[in-house]
């Protein structure tokens, strides 16, 4: 008797060998055309039961020498072969391409853009990453079709989502026709934004240039305006004087002094571990970008010059996502 540990090792070894075989047979390409060299087809459970039934009917007809029953088994067998060919040609000739990257935050759904091209309609096609939610398409029209393939990750990093499984059980569900394609995609998963306690400007250093970043600026913000209170906003920003006068519930909003540049460093973040600090940094970057602040980032000896805008934000977020896991554990 094999133990559970032995079975797991055997299963893992089989998966590794199969993965290596797939890498050699189906290499990574941005454009993939399905044909007999990369399509696999096997009977489904229903197909196996159907084939067993055909065999039993044939044995029954030969045992009793009943030509009608034998003819019935032949007809059912020919239907089995016809459906096999139909299932194969349903996918053969379908082209898929994936040229982009997907990006998002840990714990949230990401989507990878995939394009399907077909000269004829295809039926009952599903696509999915391994272990992810599949996208089912009832009919792929004879034209170009785009879809977003979902991918979910709880951890940050530059992640290889793996191969995309394209599968169909058309028609009658007797066969499973499938393939696993590698497009060389990557998903940039940013840390999950986590709100630190206190003022969002408390954790940054301010200064017009790199030499003036020695002090923590707790007072680097000026009162700007009052806005209607939104549930969830911190109570320390509530304008209690206006509320006591019966003027309604408002929150105070501040604006950074003109000319100040905010600098964020990993070492200045609170938190028990580096992953929590990266989550705080992610939240601060999003806040500073939303408020149109000029901000820079120091991360693991790498410095990103102060700036603003979507490109600067994505550059900083990519740096957080790509921060080595080994260094995170060391810190």
Protein backbone atom coordinates (compact mmCIF):
# COMPACT_ATOMS: atom_id res chain seq x y z
CA UNK A 1 0.00 0.00 0.00
CA UNK A 2 1.28 3.43 -0.90
CA UNK A 3 1.07 6.15 1.71
CA UNK A 4 -0.49 9.56 1.11
CA UNK A 5 2.96 11.16 0.96
CA UNK A 6 4.12 8.73 -1.72
CA UNK A 7 1.02 9.33 -3.83
CA UNK A 8 1.54 13.09 -3.60
CA UNK A 9 5.16 12.74 -4.72
CA UNK A 10 4.14 10.55 -7.66
CA UNK A 11 1.41 13.00 -8.64
CA UNK A 12 3.84 15.92 -8.41
CA UNK A 13 6.43 14.08 -10.51
CA UNK A 14 3.84 13.28 -13.18
CA UNK A 15 2.78 16.95 -13.31
CA UNK A 16 6.39 18.09 -13.70
CA UNK A 17 7.02 15.63 -16.51
CA UNK A 18 3.81 16.63 -18.23
CA UNK A 19 4.72 20.32 -17.86
CA UNK A 20 8.15 19.72 -19.42
CA UNK A 21 6.55 17.78 -22.25
CA UNK A 22 4.11 20.64 -22.87
CA UNK A 23 6.98 23.16 -22.97
CA UNK A 24 8.64 21.17 -25.73
CA UNK A 25 5.50 20.38 -27.72
CA UNK A 26 3.63 23.69 -27.19
CA UNK A 27 6.22 26.49 -26.76
CA UNK A 28 5.25 30.02 -25.77
CA UNK A 29 3.96 32.21 -28.61
CA UNK A 30 1.94 35.42 -28.67
CA UNK A 31 -0.17 34.02 -31.53
CA UNK A 32 -1.48 30.43 -31.44
CA UNK A 33 -3.39 28.57 -34.16
CA UNK A 34 -5.16 25.40 -33.08
CA UNK A 35 -4.47 22.35 -35.27
CA UNK A 36 -3.93 18.60 -34.93
CA UNK A 37 -0.48 19.16 -33.44
CA UNK A 38 -1.70 21.03 -30.36
CA UNK A 39 -5.26 19.74 -29.81
CA UNK A 40 -5.96 16.84 -27.46
CA UNK A 41 -9.22 14.89 -27.47
CA UNK A 42 -10.44 12.22 -25.06
CA UNK A 43 -13.84 10.67 -24.31
CA UNK A 44 -15.70 12.31 -21.45
CA UNK A 45 -17.24 10.28 -18.63
CA UNK A 46 -20.49 10.27 -20.53
CA UNK A 47 -18.56 9.23 -23.66
CA UNK A 48 -16.94 6.30 -21.84
CA UNK A 49 -20.33 5.17 -20.57
CA UNK A 50 -21.74 5.50 -24.08
CA UNK A 51 -18.88 3.44 -25.54
CA UNK A 52 -19.42 0.75 -22.91
CA UNK A 53 -23.10 0.64 -23.82
CA UNK A 54 -22.23 0.19 -27.51
CA UNK A 55 -19.96 -2.71 -26.60
CA UNK A 56 -22.66 -4.38 -24.48
CA UNK A 57 -25.25 -4.03 -27.26
CA UNK A 58 -22.81 -5.53 -29.76
CA UNK A 59 -22.08 -8.49 -27.45
CA UNK A 60 -25.82 -8.97 -26.88
CA UNK A 61 -26.50 -9.00 -30.63
CA UNK A 62 -23.71 -11.46 -31.41
CA UNK A 63 -24.72 -13.72 -28.51
CA UNK A 64 -28.30 -13.97 -29.74
CA UNK A 65 -27.32 -13.65 -33.43
CA UNK A 66 -29.75 -10.76 -33.84
CA UNK A 67 -28.82 -8.63 -36.83
CA UNK A 68 -31.08 -5.73 -35.78
CA UNK A 69 -29.27 -5.37 -32.45
CA UNK A 70 -25.87 -5.66 -34.17
CA UNK A 71 -26.92 -2.99 -36.68
CA UNK A 72 -27.95 -0.75 -33.78
CA UNK A 73 -24.49 -1.12 -32.20
CA UNK A 74 -22.88 -0.22 -35.56
CA UNK A 75 -25.03 2.90 -35.84
CA UNK A 76 -24.18 3.98 -32.32
CA UNK A 77 -20.48 3.33 -32.96
CA UNK A 78 -20.54 5.38 -36.16
CA UNK A 79 -22.23 8.22 -34.26
CA UNK A 80 -19.42 8.04 -31.68
CA UNK A 81 -16.76 8.45 -34.39
CA UNK A 82 -18.71 11.24 -36.13
CA UNK A 83 -19.01 13.22 -32.90
CA UNK A 84 -15.25 12.75 -32.29
CA UNK A 85 -14.45 14.33 -35.67
CA UNK A 86 -17.01 17.08 -35.13
CA UNK A 87 -15.51 17.90 -31.71
CA UNK A 88 -12.03 18.14 -33.19
CA UNK A 89 -13.02 20.37 -36.12
CA UNK A 90 -14.96 22.62 -33.75
CA UNK A 91 -11.62 23.84 -32.32
CA UNK A 92 -9.28 23.20 -35.25
CA UNK A 93 -8.54 26.46 -37.08
CA UNK A 94 -9.39 28.70 -34.13
CA UNK A 95 -6.67 31.34 -33.55
CA UNK A 96 -5.90 33.04 -30.24
CA UNK A 97 -3.57 35.90 -29.41
CA UNK A 98 -2.52 37.59 -26.18
CA UNK A 99 -0.03 40.45 -26.37
CA UNK A 100 -0.68 42.44 -23.23
CA UNK A 101 -0.02 42.42 -19.52
CA UNK A 102 -2.57 42.62 -16.77
CA UNK A 103 -2.06 44.59 -13.60
CA UNK A 104 -4.05 45.02 -10.42
CA UNK A 105 -3.97 44.70 -6.67
CA UNK A 106 -3.56 41.61 -4.52
CA UNK A 107 -6.87 40.18 -3.37
CA UNK A 108 -8.72 41.75 -6.29
CA UNK A 109 -9.63 40.26 -9.64
CA UNK A 110 -7.34 40.92 -12.60
CA UNK A 111 -8.22 40.42 -16.25
CA UNK A 112 -5.99 39.36 -19.15
CA UNK A 113 -7.10 40.54 -22.62
CA UNK A 114 -7.36 37.65 -25.11
CA UNK A 115 -8.39 37.87 -28.78
CA UNK A 116 -10.06 35.03 -30.69
CA UNK A 117 -10.13 34.88 -34.49
CA UNK A 118 -12.21 32.42 -36.47
CA UNK A 119 -13.38 32.02 -40.07
CA UNK A 120 -16.36 29.88 -39.09
CA UNK A 121 -18.58 29.76 -35.98
CA UNK A 122 -17.34 27.75 -33.00
CA UNK A 123 -19.57 26.41 -30.25
CA UNK A 124 -19.36 25.78 -26.50
CA UNK A 125 -15.81 27.05 -25.92
CA UNK A 126 -14.40 27.84 -22.47
CA UNK A 127 -11.09 29.48 -21.55
CA UNK A 128 -9.39 29.66 -18.17
CA UNK A 129 -6.10 29.86 -16.36
CA UNK A 130 -5.26 26.85 -14.20
CA UNK A 131 -7.38 26.91 -11.06
CA UNK A 132 -9.13 30.14 -12.08
CA UNK A 133 -12.72 30.92 -13.00
CA UNK A 134 -13.42 29.94 -16.64
CA UNK A 135 -15.06 32.15 -19.25
CA UNK A 136 -17.66 30.26 -21.27
CA UNK A 137 -18.57 31.32 -24.81
CA UNK A 138 -21.69 29.79 -26.31
CA UNK A 139 -20.89 30.80 -29.88
CA UNK A 140 -17.67 32.26 -31.29
CA UNK A 141 -18.81 34.11 -34.37
CA UNK A 142 -16.89 34.05 -37.63
CA UNK A 143 -14.99 37.23 -36.78
CA UNK A 144 -12.54 38.71 -34.30
CA UNK A 145 -13.69 38.53 -30.70
CA UNK A 146 -12.07 40.00 -27.58
CA UNK A 147 -12.58 38.96 -23.98
CA UNK A 148 -11.04 39.52 -20.56
CA UNK A 149 -9.86 36.35 -18.89
CA UNK A 150 -10.02 36.62 -15.07
CA UNK A 151 -7.01 35.94 -12.86
CA UNK A 152 -6.93 36.15 -9.07
CA UNK A 153 -3.91 36.33 -6.78
CA UNK A 154 -3.67 36.88 -3.04
CA UNK A 155 0.04 37.70 -3.14
CA UNK A 156 1.87 40.55 -4.85
CA UNK A 157 4.64 40.21 -7.40
CA UNK A 158 5.30 39.77 -11.09
CA UNK A 159 3.41 36.50 -11.55
CA UNK A 160 3.32 34.07 -14.42
CA UNK A 161 -0.36 33.11 -14.67
CA UNK A 162 0.52 29.92 -16.52
CA UNK A 163 -1.06 28.35 -19.56
CA UNK A 164 -4.54 29.11 -20.81
CA UNK A 165 -6.76 26.06 -21.11
CA UNK A 166 -9.11 26.11 -24.11
CA UNK A 167 -11.77 23.41 -23.81
CA UNK A 168 -14.96 22.33 -25.54
CA UNK A 169 -17.38 19.41 -25.11
CA UNK A 170 -19.27 20.13 -28.31
CA UNK A 171 -21.24 18.23 -29.42
CA UNK A 172 -23.39 15.83 -27.34
CA UNK A 173 -20.75 15.87 -24.59
CA UNK A 174 -19.18 12.58 -25.69
CA UNK A 175 -15.66 14.06 -25.99
CA UNK A 176 -13.55 16.67 -24.27
CA UNK A 177 -11.46 18.55 -26.83
CA UNK A 178 -8.83 20.74 -25.19
CA UNK A 179 -5.42 22.34 -25.33
CA UNK A 180 -3.12 24.33 -23.03
CA UNK A 181 -1.48 27.34 -24.63
CA UNK A 182 1.39 29.43 -23.32
CA UNK A 183 1.38 33.07 -24.44
CA UNK A 184 4.29 34.18 -22.25
CA UNK A 185 2.01 36.51 -20.30
CA UNK A 186 2.76 38.09 -16.95
CA UNK A 187 0.56 39.70 -14.31
CA UNK A 188 1.85 42.59 -12.21
CA UNK A 189 0.12 42.28 -8.85
CA UNK A 190 0.53 45.37 -6.68
CA UNK A 191 0.36 45.12 -2.87
CA UNK A 192 -3.09 45.44 -1.41
CA UNK A 193 -3.60 49.07 -0.35
CA UNK A 194 -3.84 49.31 3.43
CA UNK A 195 -4.65 52.54 5.22
CA UNK A 196 -2.15 53.44 7.96
CA UNK A 197 -3.34 55.15 11.10
CA UNK A 198 -2.94 58.89 11.48
CA UNK A 199 -2.47 61.64 8.92
CA UNK A 200 -1.49 60.40 5.48
CA UNK A 201 1.23 63.07 5.32
CA UNK A 202 2.82 62.05 8.61
CA UNK A 203 4.77 59.14 7.08
CA UNK A 204 6.47 61.18 4.35
CA UNK A 205 9.49 63.45 4.28
CA UNK A 206 9.21 66.79 2.56
CA UNK A 207 11.67 68.99 0.76
CA UNK A 208 12.29 70.70 -2.51
CA UNK A 209 15.33 68.52 -3.21
CA UNK A 210 16.93 65.37 -1.87
CA UNK A 211 19.06 67.28 0.67
CA UNK A 212 16.01 68.66 2.46
CA UNK A 213 14.42 65.34 3.32
CA UNK A 214 15.71 64.97 6.84
CA UNK A 215 12.58 65.97 8.76
CA UNK A 216 9.27 64.31 9.06
CA UNK A 217 6.70 66.90 8.10
CA UNK A 218 3.72 66.69 10.39
CA UNK A 219 2.60 70.17 9.40
CA UNK A 220 3.22 70.14 5.67
CA UNK A 221 -0.45 70.60 4.86
CA UNK A 222 -2.71 73.69 4.89
CA UNK A 223 -6.47 73.84 5.30
CA UNK A 224 -8.12 73.91 1.87
CA UNK A 225 -11.91 73.41 2.06
CA UNK A 226 -14.87 71.77 3.76
CA UNK A 227 -16.71 68.93 2.08
CA UNK A 228 -19.82 66.99 3.04
CA UNK A 229 -19.03 64.10 5.36
CA UNK A 230 -18.78 60.69 3.71
CA UNK A 231 -19.29 57.61 5.94
CA UNK A 232 -15.94 56.00 6.65
CA UNK A 233 -13.86 59.20 6.78
CA UNK A 234 -11.72 59.65 9.94
CA UNK A 235 -13.45 61.51 12.77
CA UNK A 236 -10.37 63.66 13.43
CA UNK A 237 -11.11 65.43 10.13
CA UNK A 238 -14.73 66.24 11.05
CA UNK A 239 -15.47 69.98 11.41
CA UNK A 240 -17.01 69.75 14.87
CA UNK A 241 -17.51 73.54 15.24
CA UNK A 242 -19.75 73.69 12.19
CA UNK A 243 -21.53 70.54 13.34
CA UNK A 244 -22.19 72.06 16.80
CA UNK A 245 -23.64 75.16 15.18
CA UNK A 246 -26.14 73.01 13.30
CA UNK A 247 -24.60 73.73 9.91
CA UNK A 248 -24.31 70.06 9.01
CA UNK A 249 -21.58 67.45 9.13
CA UNK A 250 -18.47 68.32 7.13
CA UNK A 251 -14.87 67.12 6.95
CA UNK A 252 -11.78 69.26 6.64
CA UNK A 253 -9.63 68.77 3.56
CA UNK A 254 -6.04 69.93 3.30
CA UNK A 255 -3.73 70.79 0.45
CA UNK A 256 0.02 70.43 0.40
CA UNK A 257 2.06 73.64 0.42
CA UNK A 258 3.19 74.65 -3.04
CA UNK A 259 6.74 73.62 -3.84
CA UNK A 260 6.92 70.77 -1.33
CA UNK A 261 7.98 67.34 -2.54
CA UNK A 262 6.99 64.30 -0.50
CA UNK A 263 9.39 61.39 -0.19
CA UNK A 264 8.33 57.92 0.86
CA UNK A 265 10.75 55.32 2.17
CA UNK A 266 10.17 51.74 3.23
CA UNK A 267 12.09 52.23 6.48
CA UNK A 268 9.77 55.04 7.63
CA UNK A 269 6.64 52.89 7.36
CA UNK A 270 5.16 51.38 10.54
CA UNK A 271 4.10 47.77 10.67
CA UNK A 272 5.27 44.40 11.97
CA UNK A 273 6.65 43.17 8.63
CA UNK A 274 7.74 44.38 5.23
CA UNK A 275 4.61 43.21 3.44
CA UNK A 276 2.49 45.45 5.68
CA UNK A 277 4.85 48.35 5.01
CA UNK A 278 4.50 47.80 1.26
CA UNK A 279 0.72 47.86 1.66
CA UNK A 280 0.98 51.19 3.49
CA UNK A 281 3.23 52.57 0.75
CA UNK A 282 0.71 51.50 -1.88
CA UNK A 283 -2.09 53.33 -0.07
CA UNK A 284 0.02 56.49 0.32
CA UNK A 285 1.00 56.48 -3.35
CA UNK A 286 -2.64 56.27 -4.41
CA UNK A 287 -3.59 59.07 -2.02
CA UNK A 288 -0.80 61.38 -3.15
CA UNK A 289 -1.65 60.73 -6.79
CA UNK A 290 -5.31 61.48 -6.15
CA UNK A 291 -4.38 64.76 -4.44
CA UNK A 292 -1.92 65.74 -7.23
CA UNK A 293 1.08 65.83 -4.89
CA UNK A 294 4.67 65.69 -6.10
CA UNK A 295 6.16 62.56 -4.56
CA UNK A 296 9.23 60.34 -4.81
CA UNK A 297 10.01 56.84 -3.57
CA UNK A 298 13.02 55.13 -2.02
CA UNK A 299 12.75 51.36 -1.97
CA UNK A 300 15.54 48.93 -1.13
CA UNK A 301 18.32 51.27 -2.21
CA UNK A 302 16.51 52.21 -5.42
CA UNK A 303 15.35 55.78 -5.81
CA UNK A 304 12.49 57.01 -8.00
CA UNK A 305 12.66 60.74 -8.65
CA UNK A 306 9.77 62.92 -7.57
CA UNK A 307 6.94 63.33 -10.03
CA UNK A 308 3.23 62.86 -10.54
CA UNK A 309 0.81 61.48 -13.08
CA UNK A 310 -0.37 58.00 -14.03
CA UNK A 311 2.95 56.91 -15.53
CA UNK A 312 4.87 57.90 -12.40
CA UNK A 313 2.30 56.14 -10.19
CA UNK A 314 2.49 52.91 -12.19
CA UNK A 315 6.28 53.02 -12.12
CA UNK A 316 6.24 53.23 -8.32
CA UNK A 317 3.54 50.55 -8.00
CA UNK A 318 5.55 48.19 -10.24
CA UNK A 319 8.53 48.71 -7.96
CA UNK A 320 6.42 47.70 -4.96
CA UNK A 321 5.14 44.63 -6.80
CA UNK A 322 8.64 43.59 -7.90
CA UNK A 323 10.23 44.07 -4.48
CA UNK A 324 12.00 40.74 -3.86
CA UNK A 325 10.22 38.34 -1.53
CA UNK A 326 13.56 37.29 -0.01
CA UNK A 327 14.31 40.88 1.04
CA UNK A 328 10.80 41.21 2.41
CA UNK A 329 11.37 38.19 4.66
CA UNK A 330 14.75 39.49 5.78
CA UNK A 331 13.30 42.81 6.85
